[in-house]
Amino acid sequence: MPAPRVRDRVAVAAFLLLFLIPMFLRATVMPKELPAPMVLRKLHNIACLFTQKPTAWSSYYIQVRYPGEVVWVNLDQRELFPLEPFGRRSRMHRLLVAWGAKPSPLTEDLARWILVEHERRHGDELQPEEIRIARGWSVPSRDEPPQQGWHHPQWQEFPPTQRRIIARYQRDALLGGTHE
């Protein structure tokens, strides 16, 4: 059998140095982010799936309040985010996790887009005067595991101590009174 070519040896060495060894370190002694380019960190995240048990399962909600009402209503996310490429979680869930689930210009832009899109789809209906993005979380139990996999619970199913309003916006402040 002929000896491996130099190019093959360099490729194997690069793979070991740039991917396998950092992945091993991340999985064992260095669980924090690697000082590496984003692409390489994402590849490591995918390769090191489930390195830590989640302490809670989060669900995110879009809630609106209509003029003259005090009750917040959950919008159906399936209308705005029809694809669920991440299991049973929507793209909005993925974005909010990536943004740290805290108020920012990104959540403001998301809320603005939701209001504009809601008006485009339901222009003949009363439009909300406020919007908020909320999070509820549940702690998984080994004694009572979820049946039939994870589902998106109703907001009211979470105890008040396991609910949080991420951001709240007035329609006029977001849209500047340009939409009626």
C-alpha atoms as a PDB file:
ATOM      1  CA  MET A   1       0.000   0.000   0.000  1.00  0.00           C
ATOM      2  CA  PRO A   2       1.434   3.405  -0.935  1.00  0.00           C
ATOM      3  CA  ALA A   3       2.187   5.938   1.814  1.00  0.00           C
ATOM      4  CA  PRO A   4      -0.348   8.738   2.325  1.00  0.00           C
ATOM      5  CA  ARG A   5       0.317  11.865   0.329  1.00  0.00           C
ATOM      6  CA  VAL A   6       1.520  15.001   2.067  1.00  0.00           C
ATOM      7  CA  ARG A   7      -1.736  16.767   1.149  1.00  0.00           C
ATOM      8  CA  ASP A   8      -3.739  14.009   2.866  1.00  0.00           C
ATOM      9  CA  ARG A   9      -1.609  14.245   6.007  1.00  0.00           C
ATOM     10  CA  VAL A  10      -2.036  18.026   6.113  1.00  0.00           C
ATOM     11  CA  ALA A  11      -5.809  17.662   5.697  1.00  0.00           C
ATOM     12  CA  VAL A  12      -6.039  15.170   8.572  1.00  0.00           C
ATOM     13  CA  ALA A  13      -3.831  17.348  10.786  1.00  0.00           C
ATOM     14  CA  ALA A  14      -5.945  20.426  10.014  1.00  0.00           C
ATOM     15  CA  PHE A  15      -9.146  18.522  10.792  1.00  0.00           C
ATOM     16  CA  LEU A  16      -7.726  17.358  14.120  1.00  0.00           C
ATOM     17  CA  LEU A  17      -6.367  20.761  15.102  1.00  0.00           C
ATOM     18  CA  LEU A  18      -9.254  22.901  13.907  1.00  0.00           C
ATOM     19  CA  PHE A  19     -12.231  20.700  14.662  1.00  0.00           C
ATOM     20  CA  LEU A  20     -11.828  17.494  16.675  1.00  0.00           C
ATOM     21  CA  ILE A  21      -9.471  18.714  19.385  1.00  0.00           C
ATOM     22  CA  PRO A  22     -11.430  21.951  20.055  1.00  0.00           C
ATOM     23  CA  MET A  23     -14.677  19.936  20.011  1.00  0.00           C
ATOM     24  CA  PHE A  24     -13.218  17.506  22.566  1.00  0.00           C
ATOM     25  CA  LEU A  25     -12.055  20.395  24.757  1.00  0.00           C
ATOM     26  CA  ARG A  26     -15.451  22.078  24.544  1.00  0.00           C
ATOM     27  CA  ALA A  27     -17.247  18.876  25.457  1.00  0.00           C
ATOM     28  CA  THR A  28     -15.024  18.122  28.446  1.00  0.00           C
ATOM     29  CA  VAL A  29     -13.025  20.869  30.120  1.00  0.00           C
ATOM     30  CA  MET A  30     -13.944  24.086  28.284  1.00  0.00           C
ATOM     31  CA  PRO A  31     -17.757  24.312  28.097  1.00  0.00           C
ATOM     32  CA  LYS A  32     -17.746  28.058  27.365  1.00  0.00           C
ATOM     33  CA  GLU A  33     -17.555  29.571  23.892  1.00  0.00           C
ATOM     34  CA  LEU A  34     -14.414  28.855  21.953  1.00  0.00           C
ATOM     35  CA  PRO A  35     -12.286  31.788  20.826  1.00  0.00           C
ATOM     36  CA  ALA A  36     -12.939  30.957  17.183  1.00  0.00           C
ATOM     37  CA  PRO A  37     -14.764  32.360  14.155  1.00  0.00           C
ATOM     38  CA  MET A  38     -18.574  32.213  14.339  1.00  0.00           C
ATOM     39  CA  VAL A  39     -18.793  29.532  11.637  1.00  0.00           C
ATOM     40  CA  LEU A  40     -16.499  27.219  13.574  1.00  0.00           C
ATOM     41  CA  ARG A  41     -18.364  27.890  16.838  1.00  0.00           C
ATOM     42  CA  LYS A  42     -21.667  26.999  15.156  1.00  0.00           C
ATOM     43  CA  LEU A  43     -20.178  23.780  13.794  1.00  0.00           C
ATOM     44  CA  HIS A  44     -18.973  22.915  17.287  1.00  0.00           C
ATOM     45  CA  ASN A  45     -22.395  23.703  18.733  1.00  0.00           C
ATOM     46  CA  ILE A  46     -23.976  21.313  16.264  1.00  0.00           C
ATOM     47  CA  ALA A  47     -21.366  18.606  16.847  1.00  0.00           C
ATOM     48  CA  CYS A  48     -21.563  18.975  20.637  1.00  0.00           C
ATOM     49  CA  LEU A  49     -25.336  18.719  20.848  1.00  0.00           C
ATOM     50  CA  PHE A  50     -26.816  18.400  24.297  1.00  0.00           C
ATOM     51  CA  THR A  51     -23.625  18.969  26.261  1.00  0.00           C
ATOM     52  CA  GLN A  52     -25.690  20.408  29.109  1.00  0.00           C
ATOM     53  CA  LYS A  53     -29.149  19.576  30.354  1.00  0.00           C
ATOM     54  CA  PRO A  54     -31.539  22.525  29.986  1.00  0.00           C
ATOM     55  CA  THR A  55     -32.730  23.923  33.282  1.00  0.00           C
ATOM     56  CA  ALA A  56     -36.026  25.078  31.749  1.00  0.00           C
ATOM     57  CA  TRP A  57     -37.978  24.936  28.506  1.00  0.00           C
ATOM     58  CA  SER A  58     -38.943  28.336  27.164  1.00  0.00           C
ATOM     59  CA  SER A  59     -41.962  29.321  25.125  1.00  0.00           C
ATOM     60  CA  TYR A  60     -42.314  32.752  23.552  1.00  0.00           C
ATOM     61  CA  TYR A  61     -45.524  34.669  22.932  1.00  0.00           C
ATOM     62  CA  ILE A  62     -46.708  37.649  20.925  1.00  0.00           C
ATOM     63  CA  GLN A  63     -49.435  39.402  22.859  1.00  0.00           C
ATOM     64  CA  VAL A  64     -51.496  42.394  21.823  1.00  0.00           C
ATOM     65  CA  ARG A  65     -53.940  44.687  23.567  1.00  0.00           C
ATOM     66  CA  TYR A  66     -56.768  46.299  21.663  1.00  0.00           C
ATOM     67  CA  PRO A  67     -58.137  49.815  22.304  1.00  0.00           C
ATOM     68  CA  GLY A  68     -60.453  49.938  25.309  1.00  0.00           C
ATOM     69  CA  GLU A  69     -59.441  46.461  26.505  1.00  0.00           C
ATOM     70  CA  VAL A  70     -57.403  45.510  29.554  1.00  0.00           C
ATOM     71  CA  VAL A  71     -56.815  41.878  28.581  1.00  0.00           C
ATOM     72  CA  TRP A  72     -53.805  40.843  26.501  1.00  0.00           C
ATOM     73  CA  VAL A  73     -54.529  38.443  23.645  1.00  0.00           C
ATOM     74  CA  ASN A  74     -52.027  35.928  22.266  1.00  0.00           C
ATOM     75  CA  LEU A  75     -51.546  36.171  18.521  1.00  0.00           C
ATOM     76  CA  ASP A  76     -51.337  32.903  16.626  1.00  0.00           C
ATOM     77  CA  GLN A  77     -47.651  32.638  15.746  1.00  0.00           C
ATOM     78  CA  ARG A  78     -48.308  30.034  13.060  1.00  0.00           C
ATOM     79  CA  GLU A  79     -49.787  32.763  10.883  1.00  0.00           C
ATOM     80  CA  LEU A  80     -46.661  34.919  11.131  1.00  0.00           C
ATOM     81  CA  PHE A  81     -44.073  32.134  11.342  1.00  0.00           C
ATOM     82  CA  PRO A  82     -45.587  29.164   9.481  1.00  0.00           C
ATOM     83  CA  LEU A  83     -42.399  27.109   9.304  1.00  0.00           C
ATOM     84  CA  GLU A  84     -41.118  25.258  12.331  1.00  0.00           C
ATOM     85  CA  PRO A  85     -37.649  24.286  11.171  1.00  0.00           C
ATOM     86  CA  PHE A  86     -36.405  23.815  14.726  1.00  0.00           C
ATOM     87  CA  GLY A  87     -38.606  20.986  15.924  1.00  0.00           C
ATOM     88  CA  ARG A  88     -41.818  22.490  17.203  1.00  0.00           C
ATOM     89  CA  ARG A  89     -40.296  25.913  17.677  1.00  0.00           C
ATOM     90  CA  SER A  90     -40.705  28.798  15.281  1.00  0.00           C
ATOM     91  CA  ARG A  91     -38.136  31.118  13.780  1.00  0.00           C
ATOM     92  CA  MET A  92     -39.226  33.757  16.290  1.00  0.00           C
ATOM     93  CA  HIS A  93     -38.239  31.433  19.126  1.00  0.00           C
ATOM     94  CA  ARG A  94     -34.827  30.918  17.543  1.00  0.00           C
ATOM     95  CA  LEU A  95     -34.333  34.677  17.070  1.00  0.00           C
ATOM     96  CA  LEU A  96     -35.316  35.560  20.628  1.00  0.00           C
ATOM     97  CA  VAL A  97     -32.947  32.931  22.024  1.00  0.00           C
ATOM     98  CA  ALA A  98     -30.138  34.288  19.836  1.00  0.00           C
ATOM     99  CA  TRP A  99     -30.910  37.853  20.999  1.00  0.00           C
ATOM    100  CA  GLY A 100     -30.800  36.879  24.666  1.00  0.00           C
ATOM    101  CA  ALA A 101     -34.581  37.301  25.135  1.00  0.00           C
ATOM    102  CA  LYS A 102     -34.226  40.907  26.274  1.00  0.00           C
ATOM    103  CA  PRO A 103     -35.441  44.271  24.961  1.00  0.00           C
ATOM    104  CA  SER A 104     -33.297  45.653  22.181  1.00  0.00           C
ATOM    105  CA  PRO A 105     -33.587  47.393  18.819  1.00  0.00           C
ATOM    106  CA  LEU A 106     -34.007  43.889  17.383  1.00  0.00           C
ATOM    107  CA  THR A 107     -37.109  43.127  19.462  1.00  0.00           C
ATOM    108  CA  GLU A 108     -38.428  46.572  18.567  1.00  0.00           C
ATOM    109  CA  ASP A 109     -37.973  45.807  14.862  1.00  0.00           C
ATOM    110  CA  LEU A 110     -39.649  42.429  15.340  1.00  0.00           C
ATOM    111  CA  ALA A 111     -42.635  44.043  17.087  1.00  0.00           C
ATOM    112  CA  ARG A 112     -42.882  46.668  14.332  1.00  0.00           C
ATOM    113  CA  TRP A 113     -42.827  43.974  11.633  1.00  0.00           C
ATOM    114  CA  ILE A 114     -45.497  41.961  13.474  1.00  0.00           C
ATOM    115  CA  LEU A 115     -47.821  44.985  13.688  1.00  0.00           C
ATOM    116  CA  VAL A 116     -47.347  45.850  10.016  1.00  0.00           C
ATOM    117  CA  GLU A 117     -47.846  42.232   8.968  1.00  0.00           C
ATOM    118  CA  HIS A 118     -50.916  41.862  11.205  1.00  0.00           C
ATOM    119  CA  GLU A 119     -52.422  44.993   9.662  1.00  0.00           C
ATOM    120  CA  ARG A 120     -51.671  43.714   6.159  1.00  0.00           C
ATOM    121  CA  ARG A 121     -53.442  40.430   6.879  1.00  0.00           C
ATOM    122  CA  HIS A 122     -56.297  41.843   8.977  1.00  0.00           C
ATOM    123  CA  GLY A 123     -56.662  45.423   7.731  1.00  0.00           C
ATOM    124  CA  ASP A 124     -60.448  45.413   8.039  1.00  0.00           C
ATOM    125  CA  GLU A 125     -60.321  44.474  11.745  1.00  0.00           C
ATOM    126  CA  LEU A 126     -59.567  46.584  14.801  1.00  0.00           C
ATOM    127  CA  GLN A 127     -55.798  46.948  15.187  1.00  0.00           C
ATOM    128  CA  PRO A 128     -53.950  46.514  18.493  1.00  0.00           C
ATOM    129  CA  GLU A 129     -52.699  49.602  20.316  1.00  0.00           C
ATOM    130  CA  GLU A 130     -49.956  47.757  22.200  1.00  0.00           C
ATOM    131  CA  ILE A 131     -47.782  44.734  21.590  1.00  0.00           C
ATOM    132  CA  ARG A 132     -45.564  42.788  23.908  1.00  0.00           C
ATOM    133  CA  ILE A 133     -43.222  39.870  23.548  1.00  0.00           C
ATOM    134  CA  ALA A 134     -43.349  37.485  26.470  1.00  0.00           C
ATOM    135  CA  ARG A 135     -41.671  34.338  27.703  1.00  0.00           C
ATOM    136  CA  GLY A 136     -42.951  31.529  29.856  1.00  0.00           C
ATOM    137  CA  TRP A 137     -40.839  28.631  31.020  1.00  0.00           C
ATOM    138  CA  SER A 138     -41.345  25.261  32.600  1.00  0.00           C
ATOM    139  CA  VAL A 139     -38.867  23.111  34.455  1.00  0.00           C
ATOM    140  CA  PRO A 140     -38.697  19.574  33.047  1.00  0.00           C
ATOM    141  CA  SER A 141     -39.435  16.842  35.547  1.00  0.00           C
ATOM    142  CA  ARG A 142     -37.821  13.424  35.475  1.00  0.00           C
ATOM    143  CA  ASP A 143     -40.794  12.056  37.443  1.00  0.00           C
ATOM    144  CA  GLU A 144     -43.409  13.468  35.054  1.00  0.00           C
ATOM    145  CA  PRO A 145     -41.886  13.704  31.565  1.00  0.00           C
ATOM    146  CA  PRO A 146     -44.008  15.375  28.886  1.00  0.00           C
ATOM    147  CA  GLN A 147     -46.256  13.021  26.963  1.00  0.00           C
ATOM    148  CA  GLN A 148     -46.201  13.037  23.156  1.00  0.00           C
ATOM    149  CA  GLY A 149     -43.167  15.330  23.082  1.00  0.00           C
ATOM    150  CA  TRP A 150     -42.945  19.025  23.746  1.00  0.00           C
ATOM    151  CA  HIS A 151     -45.895  21.289  22.924  1.00  0.00           C
ATOM    152  CA  HIS A 152     -46.309  25.059  23.028  1.00  0.00           C
ATOM    153  CA  PRO A 153     -48.291  25.634  26.257  1.00  0.00           C
ATOM    154  CA  GLN A 154     -50.878  28.345  26.661  1.00  0.00           C
ATOM    155  CA  TRP A 155     -49.611  31.469  28.444  1.00  0.00           C
ATOM    156  CA  GLN A 156     -52.084  30.901  31.299  1.00  0.00           C
ATOM    157  CA  GLU A 157     -50.604  27.429  31.973  1.00  0.00           C
ATOM    158  CA  PHE A 158     -47.459  28.992  33.428  1.00  0.00           C
ATOM    159  CA  PRO A 159     -47.474  30.108  37.061  1.00  0.00           C
ATOM    160  CA  PRO A 160     -46.952  33.883  37.412  1.00  0.00           C
ATOM    161  CA  THR A 161     -43.440  33.231  38.751  1.00  0.00           C
ATOM    162  CA  GLN A 162     -42.546  31.543  35.462  1.00  0.00           C
ATOM    163  CA  ARG A 163     -43.690  34.340  33.138  1.00  0.00           C
ATOM    164  CA  ARG A 164     -41.770  37.382  32.018  1.00  0.00           C
ATOM    165  CA  ILE A 165     -42.529  40.280  29.699  1.00  0.00           C
ATOM    166  CA  ILE A 166     -39.486  40.735  27.472  1.00  0.00           C
ATOM    167  CA  ALA A 167     -40.556  43.956  25.769  1.00  0.00           C
ATOM    168  CA  ARG A 168     -43.666  46.107  25.491  1.00  0.00           C
ATOM    169  CA  TYR A 169     -44.323  48.714  22.809  1.00  0.00           C
ATOM    170  CA  GLN A 170     -47.020  51.239  21.939  1.00  0.00           C
ATOM    171  CA  ARG A 171     -48.281  51.001  18.367  1.00  0.00           C
ATOM    172  CA  ASP A 172     -47.970  54.746  17.763  1.00  0.00           C
ATOM    173  CA  ALA A 173     -44.379  54.791  19.006  1.00  0.00           C
ATOM    174  CA  LEU A 174     -43.425  51.929  16.691  1.00  0.00           C
ATOM    175  CA  LEU A 175     -45.302  53.025  13.595  1.00  0.00           C
ATOM    176  CA  GLY A 176     -45.309  56.768  14.116  1.00  0.00           C
ATOM    177  CA  GLY A 177     -49.022  57.071  13.437  1.00  0.00           C
ATOM    178  CA  THR A 178     -48.457  56.163   9.763  1.00  0.00           C
ATOM    179  CA  HIS A 179     -50.740  53.142   9.861  1.00  0.00           C
ATOM    180  CA  GLU A 180     -54.415  53.356  10.530  1.00  0.00           C
END
